[in-house]
Amino acid sequence: MFLEIEVCEKSLMDYLEQKKKIFARFYFVANQALLDILSNGNNPEIVDNFLADCFDGLKNLQFIRGPSIPYPSKRAEGMISNEGEYVQFTNNFTAAGAVENYLCDLEKCMQVTLTDILVNAIPADTWGIDCKERHIWLEDFPAQIALLATQIIWTEETERAFTDLEQGSENSMKDSYANILVRLGKLIGRVRDVNISMDLRVKIITIITIDVHERDVINKFNNEKIQDA
């Protein structure tokens, strides 16, 4: 019997290994949880309870439900983070086929959605006349996207300042520093508002932290008179 148990365990490990090769995030899931996922693969609403084991920032999905939709629903319209932040998918997600395959589809759906939101988040005139100022703009986008867009724009502005320096504009980096201080001050003003939600407060505090780092980097460029990117 002991030898037969060993054979069964080896067969089970081989079976799980095949599933892990298809959806690599299964490597970070405990075998007992993985067995629960695989045994309920045809019920996405049960698998939904294990998504946090597979994705760090994802808690569960927002399934499409209604009188005409049988249980379990296999279509989702958005995702919810561990902090309760909701993001709607660009296109509704359908859990079709084996669980390891539709989780790969879910991962792709998440990536496409966040990419589309990021493209729309980068303001055409960088929080200028025809765009909301950043301390207002950030309300319209998920925290991850607001933070990433902020870093992208800071990088572009810093590179542009170096280009202007090379072309003879001596104050370009100082102007960049002053611009950061103005934006930072407006964020600090918003976070002092007692009426904003906790989610928005955390988002603003996170961007303030990044802003302070970016301010210090630009200040160092100015103090050390760095002219070349």
C-alpha atoms as a PDB file:
ATOM      1  CA  MET A   1       0.000   0.000   0.000  1.00  0.00           C
ATOM      2  CA  PHE A   2       2.863   2.358   0.821  1.00  0.00           C
ATOM      3  CA  LEU A   3       4.393   1.763  -2.616  1.00  0.00           C
ATOM      4  CA  GLU A   4       1.005   2.337  -4.255  1.00  0.00           C
ATOM      5  CA  ILE A   5       0.635   5.661  -2.396  1.00  0.00           C
ATOM      6  CA  GLU A   6       4.054   6.719  -3.695  1.00  0.00           C
ATOM      7  CA  VAL A   7       2.970   5.902  -7.242  1.00  0.00           C
ATOM      8  CA  CYS A   8      -0.234   7.933  -6.760  1.00  0.00           C
ATOM      9  CA  GLU A   9       1.700  10.903  -5.339  1.00  0.00           C
ATOM     10  CA  LYS A  10       4.148  10.856  -8.233  1.00  0.00           C
ATOM     11  CA  SER A  11       1.311  10.727 -10.745  1.00  0.00           C
ATOM     12  CA  LEU A  12      -0.397  13.616  -8.966  1.00  0.00           C
ATOM     13  CA  MET A  13       2.784  15.713  -8.982  1.00  0.00           C
ATOM     14  CA  ASP A  14       3.249  14.998 -12.705  1.00  0.00           C
ATOM     15  CA  TYR A  15      -0.352  16.059 -13.338  1.00  0.00           C
ATOM     16  CA  LEU A  16       0.067  19.309 -11.384  1.00  0.00           C
ATOM     17  CA  GLU A  17       3.358  20.015 -13.150  1.00  0.00           C
ATOM     18  CA  GLN A  18       1.624  19.904 -16.518  1.00  0.00           C
ATOM     19  CA  LYS A  19      -0.933  22.447 -15.325  1.00  0.00           C
ATOM     20  CA  LYS A  20       1.816  24.694 -13.919  1.00  0.00           C
ATOM     21  CA  LYS A  21       3.635  24.693 -17.257  1.00  0.00           C
ATOM     22  CA  ILE A  22       0.519  26.093 -18.923  1.00  0.00           C
ATOM     23  CA  PHE A  23      -0.234  28.746 -16.279  1.00  0.00           C
ATOM     24  CA  ALA A  24       3.056  29.534 -14.567  1.00  0.00           C
ATOM     25  CA  ARG A  25       1.455  31.396 -11.643  1.00  0.00           C
ATOM     26  CA  PHE A  26       0.341  27.986 -10.346  1.00  0.00           C
ATOM     27  CA  TYR A  27       3.962  27.481  -9.225  1.00  0.00           C
ATOM     28  CA  PHE A  28       3.270  29.974  -6.428  1.00  0.00           C
ATOM     29  CA  VAL A  29       0.040  28.311  -5.296  1.00  0.00           C
ATOM     30  CA  ALA A  30       0.004  25.640  -2.565  1.00  0.00           C
ATOM     31  CA  ASN A  31      -0.798  22.193  -3.933  1.00  0.00           C
ATOM     32  CA  GLN A  32      -3.958  21.888  -1.835  1.00  0.00           C
ATOM     33  CA  ALA A  33      -5.278  25.207  -3.180  1.00  0.00           C
ATOM     34  CA  LEU A  34      -4.253  24.186  -6.686  1.00  0.00           C
ATOM     35  CA  LEU A  35      -6.217  20.954  -6.385  1.00  0.00           C
ATOM     36  CA  ASP A  36      -9.255  22.967  -5.264  1.00  0.00           C
ATOM     37  CA  ILE A  37      -8.856  25.255  -8.283  1.00  0.00           C
ATOM     38  CA  LEU A  38      -8.521  22.378 -10.740  1.00  0.00           C
ATOM     39  CA  SER A  39     -11.409  20.394  -9.264  1.00  0.00           C
ATOM     40  CA  ASN A  40     -13.694  23.453  -9.594  1.00  0.00           C
ATOM     41  CA  GLY A  41     -12.357  24.634 -12.932  1.00  0.00           C
ATOM     42  CA  ASN A  42     -15.807  24.558 -14.535  1.00  0.00           C
ATOM     43  CA  ASN A  43     -17.103  26.938 -11.855  1.00  0.00           C
ATOM     44  CA  PRO A  44     -15.300  30.296 -12.301  1.00  0.00           C
ATOM     45  CA  GLU A  45     -17.143  31.784  -9.307  1.00  0.00           C
ATOM     46  CA  ILE A  46     -15.459  29.257  -7.005  1.00  0.00           C
ATOM     47  CA  VAL A  47     -12.087  29.714  -8.722  1.00  0.00           C
ATOM     48  CA  ASP A  48     -12.604  33.438  -8.111  1.00  0.00           C
ATOM     49  CA  ASN A  49     -11.948  32.790  -4.399  1.00  0.00           C
ATOM     50  CA  PHE A  50      -8.394  31.673  -5.237  1.00  0.00           C
ATOM     51  CA  LEU A  51      -7.390  34.491  -7.596  1.00  0.00           C
ATOM     52  CA  ALA A  52      -5.560  36.327  -4.808  1.00  0.00           C
ATOM     53  CA  ASP A  53      -3.232  33.287  -4.586  1.00  0.00           C
ATOM     54  CA  CYS A  54      -2.334  33.740  -8.257  1.00  0.00           C
ATOM     55  CA  PHE A  55      -2.223  37.541  -8.600  1.00  0.00           C
ATOM     56  CA  ASP A  56      -0.739  39.869  -5.963  1.00  0.00           C
ATOM     57  CA  GLY A  57      -3.003  42.837  -6.668  1.00  0.00           C
ATOM     58  CA  LEU A  58      -6.214  41.059  -7.645  1.00  0.00           C
ATOM     59  CA  LYS A  59      -8.840  40.003  -5.120  1.00  0.00           C
ATOM     60  CA  ASN A  60     -11.700  38.892  -7.337  1.00  0.00           C
ATOM     61  CA  LEU A  61     -13.717  39.540 -10.477  1.00  0.00           C
ATOM     62  CA  GLN A  62     -16.991  41.365 -10.987  1.00  0.00           C
ATOM     63  CA  PHE A  63     -19.141  38.707 -12.659  1.00  0.00           C
ATOM     64  CA  ILE A  64     -22.067  39.536 -14.894  1.00  0.00           C
ATOM     65  CA  ARG A  65     -25.183  38.197 -13.184  1.00  0.00           C
ATOM     66  CA  GLY A  66     -28.878  38.412 -13.889  1.00  0.00           C
ATOM     67  CA  PRO A  67     -32.158  36.472 -14.035  1.00  0.00           C
ATOM     68  CA  SER A  68     -31.328  35.079 -17.489  1.00  0.00           C
ATOM     69  CA  ILE A  69     -27.730  34.113 -16.593  1.00  0.00           C
ATOM     70  CA  PRO A  70     -27.376  30.616 -15.093  1.00  0.00           C
ATOM     71  CA  TYR A  71     -25.094  29.946 -12.135  1.00  0.00           C
ATOM     72  CA  PRO A  72     -22.162  29.909 -12.267  1.00  0.00           C
ATOM     73  CA  SER A  73     -21.633  32.985 -14.390  1.00  0.00           C
ATOM     74  CA  LYS A  74     -18.704  32.605 -16.745  1.00  0.00           C
ATOM     75  CA  ARG A  75     -18.480  36.227 -17.854  1.00  0.00           C
ATOM     76  CA  ALA A  76     -16.850  39.082 -15.914  1.00  0.00           C
ATOM     77  CA  GLU A  77     -16.937  42.805 -16.639  1.00  0.00           C
ATOM     78  CA  GLY A  78     -14.202  44.022 -14.314  1.00  0.00           C
ATOM     79  CA  MET A  79     -11.694  43.294 -11.563  1.00  0.00           C
ATOM     80  CA  ILE A  80     -11.403  44.352  -7.927  1.00  0.00           C
ATOM     81  CA  SER A  81      -8.093  44.908  -6.127  1.00  0.00           C
ATOM     82  CA  ASN A  82      -7.193  43.886  -2.579  1.00  0.00           C
ATOM     83  CA  GLU A  83      -7.936  47.479  -1.559  1.00  0.00           C
ATOM     84  CA  GLY A  84     -11.389  47.396  -3.153  1.00  0.00           C
ATOM     85  CA  GLU A  85     -10.513  49.467  -6.224  1.00  0.00           C
ATOM     86  CA  TYR A  86     -12.660  48.501  -9.242  1.00  0.00           C
ATOM     87  CA  VAL A  87     -11.370  48.527 -12.822  1.00  0.00           C
ATOM     88  CA  GLN A  88     -13.669  47.711 -15.721  1.00  0.00           C
ATOM     89  CA  PHE A  89     -12.298  45.474 -18.479  1.00  0.00           C
ATOM     90  CA  THR A  90     -11.893  46.919 -21.979  1.00  0.00           C
ATOM     91  CA  ASN A  91     -13.806  43.880 -23.207  1.00  0.00           C
ATOM     92  CA  ASN A  92     -15.797  41.472 -21.049  1.00  0.00           C
ATOM     93  CA  PHE A  93     -13.838  38.381 -20.007  1.00  0.00           C
ATOM     94  CA  THR A  94     -15.255  34.908 -20.652  1.00  0.00           C
ATOM     95  CA  ALA A  95     -13.977  31.869 -18.743  1.00  0.00           C
ATOM     96  CA  ALA A  96     -13.986  29.274 -21.514  1.00  0.00           C
ATOM     97  CA  GLY A  97     -12.224  25.927 -21.564  1.00  0.00           C
ATOM     98  CA  ALA A  98      -9.898  24.453 -18.959  1.00  0.00           C
ATOM     99  CA  VAL A  99      -9.161  26.592 -15.908  1.00  0.00           C
ATOM    100  CA  GLU A 100      -5.423  26.829 -16.641  1.00  0.00           C
ATOM    101  CA  ASN A 101      -6.246  28.151 -20.116  1.00  0.00           C
ATOM    102  CA  TYR A 102      -8.855  30.708 -19.149  1.00  0.00           C
ATOM    103  CA  LEU A 103      -6.623  32.038 -16.369  1.00  0.00           C
ATOM    104  CA  CYS A 104      -4.036  32.744 -19.073  1.00  0.00           C
ATOM    105  CA  ASP A 105      -6.798  34.570 -20.954  1.00  0.00           C
ATOM    106  CA  LEU A 106      -7.643  36.508 -17.787  1.00  0.00           C
ATOM    107  CA  GLU A 107      -4.021  37.596 -17.388  1.00  0.00           C
ATOM    108  CA  LYS A 108      -4.007  38.839 -20.991  1.00  0.00           C
ATOM    109  CA  CYS A 109      -7.345  40.613 -20.456  1.00  0.00           C
ATOM    110  CA  MET A 110      -5.912  42.431 -17.435  1.00  0.00           C
ATOM    111  CA  GLN A 111      -2.823  43.499 -19.395  1.00  0.00           C
ATOM    112  CA  VAL A 112      -4.827  44.770 -22.371  1.00  0.00           C
ATOM    113  CA  THR A 113      -7.188  46.697 -20.083  1.00  0.00           C
ATOM    114  CA  LEU A 114      -4.395  48.417 -18.153  1.00  0.00           C
ATOM    115  CA  THR A 115      -2.548  49.222 -21.384  1.00  0.00           C
ATOM    116  CA  ASP A 116      -5.645  50.855 -22.861  1.00  0.00           C
ATOM    117  CA  ILE A 117      -6.242  52.876 -19.694  1.00  0.00           C
ATOM    118  CA  LEU A 118      -2.587  53.981 -19.616  1.00  0.00           C
ATOM    119  CA  VAL A 119      -2.757  55.204 -23.229  1.00  0.00           C
ATOM    120  CA  ASN A 120      -5.763  57.342 -22.312  1.00  0.00           C
ATOM    121  CA  ALA A 121      -4.155  58.478 -19.059  1.00  0.00           C
ATOM    122  CA  ILE A 122      -1.148  60.192 -20.670  1.00  0.00           C
ATOM    123  CA  PRO A 123      -2.478  63.742 -21.218  1.00  0.00           C
ATOM    124  CA  ALA A 124      -1.801  65.236 -24.634  1.00  0.00           C
ATOM    125  CA  ASP A 125      -0.592  68.538 -23.207  1.00  0.00           C
ATOM    126  CA  THR A 126       0.769  67.183 -19.904  1.00  0.00           C
ATOM    127  CA  TRP A 127      -1.778  68.625 -17.483  1.00  0.00           C
ATOM    128  CA  GLY A 128      -1.826  71.905 -19.364  1.00  0.00           C
ATOM    129  CA  ILE A 129      -4.497  74.322 -20.542  1.00  0.00           C
ATOM    130  CA  ASP A 130      -6.655  71.734 -22.319  1.00  0.00           C
ATOM    131  CA  CYS A 131      -6.278  69.033 -19.662  1.00  0.00           C
ATOM    132  CA  LYS A 132      -7.215  68.696 -16.015  1.00  0.00           C
ATOM    133  CA  GLU A 133      -4.426  69.551 -13.591  1.00  0.00           C
ATOM    134  CA  ARG A 134      -2.817  66.457 -12.141  1.00  0.00           C
ATOM    135  CA  HIS A 135      -4.270  66.731  -8.616  1.00  0.00           C
ATOM    136  CA  ILE A 136      -7.731  66.532 -10.261  1.00  0.00           C
ATOM    137  CA  TRP A 137      -6.782  64.266 -13.185  1.00  0.00           C
ATOM    138  CA  LEU A 138      -5.674  61.407 -10.899  1.00  0.00           C
ATOM    139  CA  GLU A 139      -9.261  60.849  -9.734  1.00  0.00           C
ATOM    140  CA  ASP A 140     -10.155  59.444 -13.157  1.00  0.00           C
ATOM    141  CA  PHE A 141      -7.643  56.586 -13.201  1.00  0.00           C
ATOM    142  CA  PRO A 142      -6.665  53.560 -11.093  1.00  0.00           C
ATOM    143  CA  ALA A 143      -3.839  54.158  -8.625  1.00  0.00           C
ATOM    144  CA  GLN A 144      -1.360  51.971 -10.522  1.00  0.00           C
ATOM    145  CA  ILE A 145      -1.992  53.850 -13.776  1.00  0.00           C
ATOM    146  CA  ALA A 146      -1.922  57.296 -12.142  1.00  0.00           C
ATOM    147  CA  LEU A 147       1.446  56.478 -10.575  1.00  0.00           C
ATOM    148  CA  LEU A 148       2.912  55.023 -13.767  1.00  0.00           C
ATOM    149  CA  ALA A 149       1.708  57.930 -15.926  1.00  0.00           C
ATOM    150  CA  THR A 150       3.248  60.355 -13.434  1.00  0.00           C
ATOM    151  CA  GLN A 151       6.628  58.624 -13.715  1.00  0.00           C
ATOM    152  CA  ILE A 152       6.457  58.446 -17.513  1.00  0.00           C
ATOM    153  CA  ILE A 153       5.712  62.158 -17.801  1.00  0.00           C
ATOM    154  CA  TRP A 154       8.444  63.078 -15.303  1.00  0.00           C
ATOM    155  CA  THR A 155      10.938  61.055 -17.373  1.00  0.00           C
ATOM    156  CA  GLU A 156       9.850  62.756 -20.605  1.00  0.00           C
ATOM    157  CA  GLU A 157      10.029  66.216 -19.030  1.00  0.00           C
ATOM    158  CA  THR A 158      13.482  65.548 -17.572  1.00  0.00           C
ATOM    159  CA  GLU A 159      14.812  64.311 -20.910  1.00  0.00           C
ATOM    160  CA  ARG A 160      13.316  67.392 -22.572  1.00  0.00           C
ATOM    161  CA  ALA A 161      15.050  69.620 -20.004  1.00  0.00           C
ATOM    162  CA  PHE A 162      18.406  68.015 -20.832  1.00  0.00           C
ATOM    163  CA  THR A 163      17.752  68.564 -24.542  1.00  0.00           C
ATOM    164  CA  ASP A 164      16.937  72.217 -23.892  1.00  0.00           C
ATOM    165  CA  LEU A 165      20.132  72.572 -21.838  1.00  0.00           C
ATOM    166  CA  GLU A 166      22.159  71.276 -24.755  1.00  0.00           C
ATOM    167  CA  GLN A 167      20.449  73.821 -26.999  1.00  0.00           C
ATOM    168  CA  GLY A 168      21.391  76.711 -24.734  1.00  0.00           C
ATOM    169  CA  SER A 169      18.413  77.084 -22.419  1.00  0.00           C
ATOM    170  CA  GLU A 170      20.269  77.521 -19.121  1.00  0.00           C
ATOM    171  CA  ASN A 171      17.168  77.522 -16.885  1.00  0.00           C
ATOM    172  CA  SER A 172      15.362  74.490 -18.284  1.00  0.00           C
ATOM    173  CA  MET A 173      16.247  72.186 -15.373  1.00  0.00           C
ATOM    174  CA  LYS A 174      15.458  74.909 -12.823  1.00  0.00           C
ATOM    175  CA  ASP A 175      12.089  75.419 -14.518  1.00  0.00           C
ATOM    176  CA  SER A 176      11.477  71.675 -14.279  1.00  0.00           C
ATOM    177  CA  TYR A 177      12.264  71.803 -10.555  1.00  0.00           C
ATOM    178  CA  ALA A 178       9.862  74.720 -10.049  1.00  0.00           C
ATOM    179  CA  ASN A 179       7.149  72.842 -11.959  1.00  0.00           C
ATOM    180  CA  ILE A 180       7.546  69.819  -9.679  1.00  0.00           C
ATOM    181  CA  LEU A 181       7.227  72.027  -6.591  1.00  0.00           C
ATOM    182  CA  VAL A 182       3.971  73.531  -7.887  1.00  0.00           C
ATOM    183  CA  ARG A 183       2.428  70.131  -8.637  1.00  0.00           C
ATOM    184  CA  LEU A 184       3.648  68.734  -5.323  1.00  0.00           C
ATOM    185  CA  GLY A 185       2.134  71.648  -3.437  1.00  0.00           C
ATOM    186  CA  LYS A 186      -1.254  71.073  -5.054  1.00  0.00           C
ATOM    187  CA  LEU A 187      -1.164  67.382  -4.104  1.00  0.00           C
ATOM    188  CA  ILE A 188      -0.320  68.299  -0.496  1.00  0.00           C
ATOM    189  CA  GLY A 189      -3.251  70.688  -0.507  1.00  0.00           C
ATOM    190  CA  ARG A 190      -5.590  67.925  -1.672  1.00  0.00           C
ATOM    191  CA  VAL A 191      -4.412  65.362   0.866  1.00  0.00           C
ATOM    192  CA  ARG A 192      -5.197  67.842   3.652  1.00  0.00           C
ATOM    193  CA  ASP A 193      -8.849  67.807   2.617  1.00  0.00           C
ATOM    194  CA  VAL A 194     -10.716  65.823   5.276  1.00  0.00           C
ATOM    195  CA  ASN A 195     -13.540  65.042   2.849  1.00  0.00           C
ATOM    196  CA  ILE A 196     -11.643  62.871   0.348  1.00  0.00           C
ATOM    197  CA  SER A 197     -12.018  59.092   0.395  1.00  0.00           C
ATOM    198  CA  MET A 198      -9.415  56.808   1.947  1.00  0.00           C
ATOM    199  CA  ASP A 199      -8.596  55.261  -1.455  1.00  0.00           C
ATOM    200  CA  LEU A 200      -7.971  58.667  -2.994  1.00  0.00           C
ATOM    201  CA  ARG A 201      -5.897  59.723   0.022  1.00  0.00           C
ATOM    202  CA  VAL A 202      -3.650  56.659  -0.289  1.00  0.00           C
ATOM    203  CA  LYS A 203      -3.265  57.277  -4.035  1.00  0.00           C
ATOM    204  CA  ILE A 204      -2.245  60.902  -3.472  1.00  0.00           C
ATOM    205  CA  ILE A 205       0.174  60.045  -0.653  1.00  0.00           C
ATOM    206  CA  THR A 206       1.849  57.444  -2.873  1.00  0.00           C
ATOM    207  CA  ILE A 207       2.306  59.950  -5.702  1.00  0.00           C
ATOM    208  CA  ILE A 208       3.584  62.555  -3.223  1.00  0.00           C
ATOM    209  CA  THR A 209       6.254  60.068  -2.120  1.00  0.00           C
ATOM    210  CA  ILE A 210       7.367  59.593  -5.722  1.00  0.00           C
ATOM    211  CA  ASP A 211       7.220  63.345  -6.352  1.00  0.00           C
ATOM    212  CA  VAL A 212       9.537  64.038  -3.425  1.00  0.00           C
ATOM    213  CA  HIS A 213      12.068  61.566  -4.842  1.00  0.00           C
ATOM    214  CA  GLU A 214      11.784  63.146  -8.309  1.00  0.00           C
ATOM    215  CA  ARG A 215      12.162  66.631  -6.787  1.00  0.00           C
ATOM    216  CA  ASP A 216      15.365  65.550  -5.042  1.00  0.00           C
ATOM    217  CA  VAL A 217      16.770  64.046  -8.249  1.00  0.00           C
ATOM    218  CA  ILE A 218      16.148  67.251 -10.218  1.00  0.00           C
ATOM    219  CA  ASN A 219      17.546  69.345  -7.361  1.00  0.00           C
ATOM    220  CA  LYS A 220      20.722  67.254  -7.448  1.00  0.00           C
ATOM    221  CA  PHE A 221      21.025  67.839 -11.201  1.00  0.00           C
ATOM    222  CA  ASN A 222      20.801  71.589 -10.558  1.00  0.00           C
ATOM    223  CA  ASN A 223      23.211  71.654  -7.607  1.00  0.00           C
ATOM    224  CA  GLU A 224      25.832  69.586  -9.396  1.00  0.00           C
ATOM    225  CA  LYS A 225      25.240  71.468 -12.685  1.00  0.00           C
ATOM    226  CA  ILE A 226      24.728  68.250 -14.634  1.00  0.00           C
ATOM    227  CA  GLN A 227      24.277  69.159 -18.301  1.00  0.00           C
ATOM    228  CA  ASP A 228      24.209  65.810 -20.076  1.00  0.00           C
ATOM    229  CA  ALA A 229      21.578  63.056 -19.803  1.00  0.00           C
END
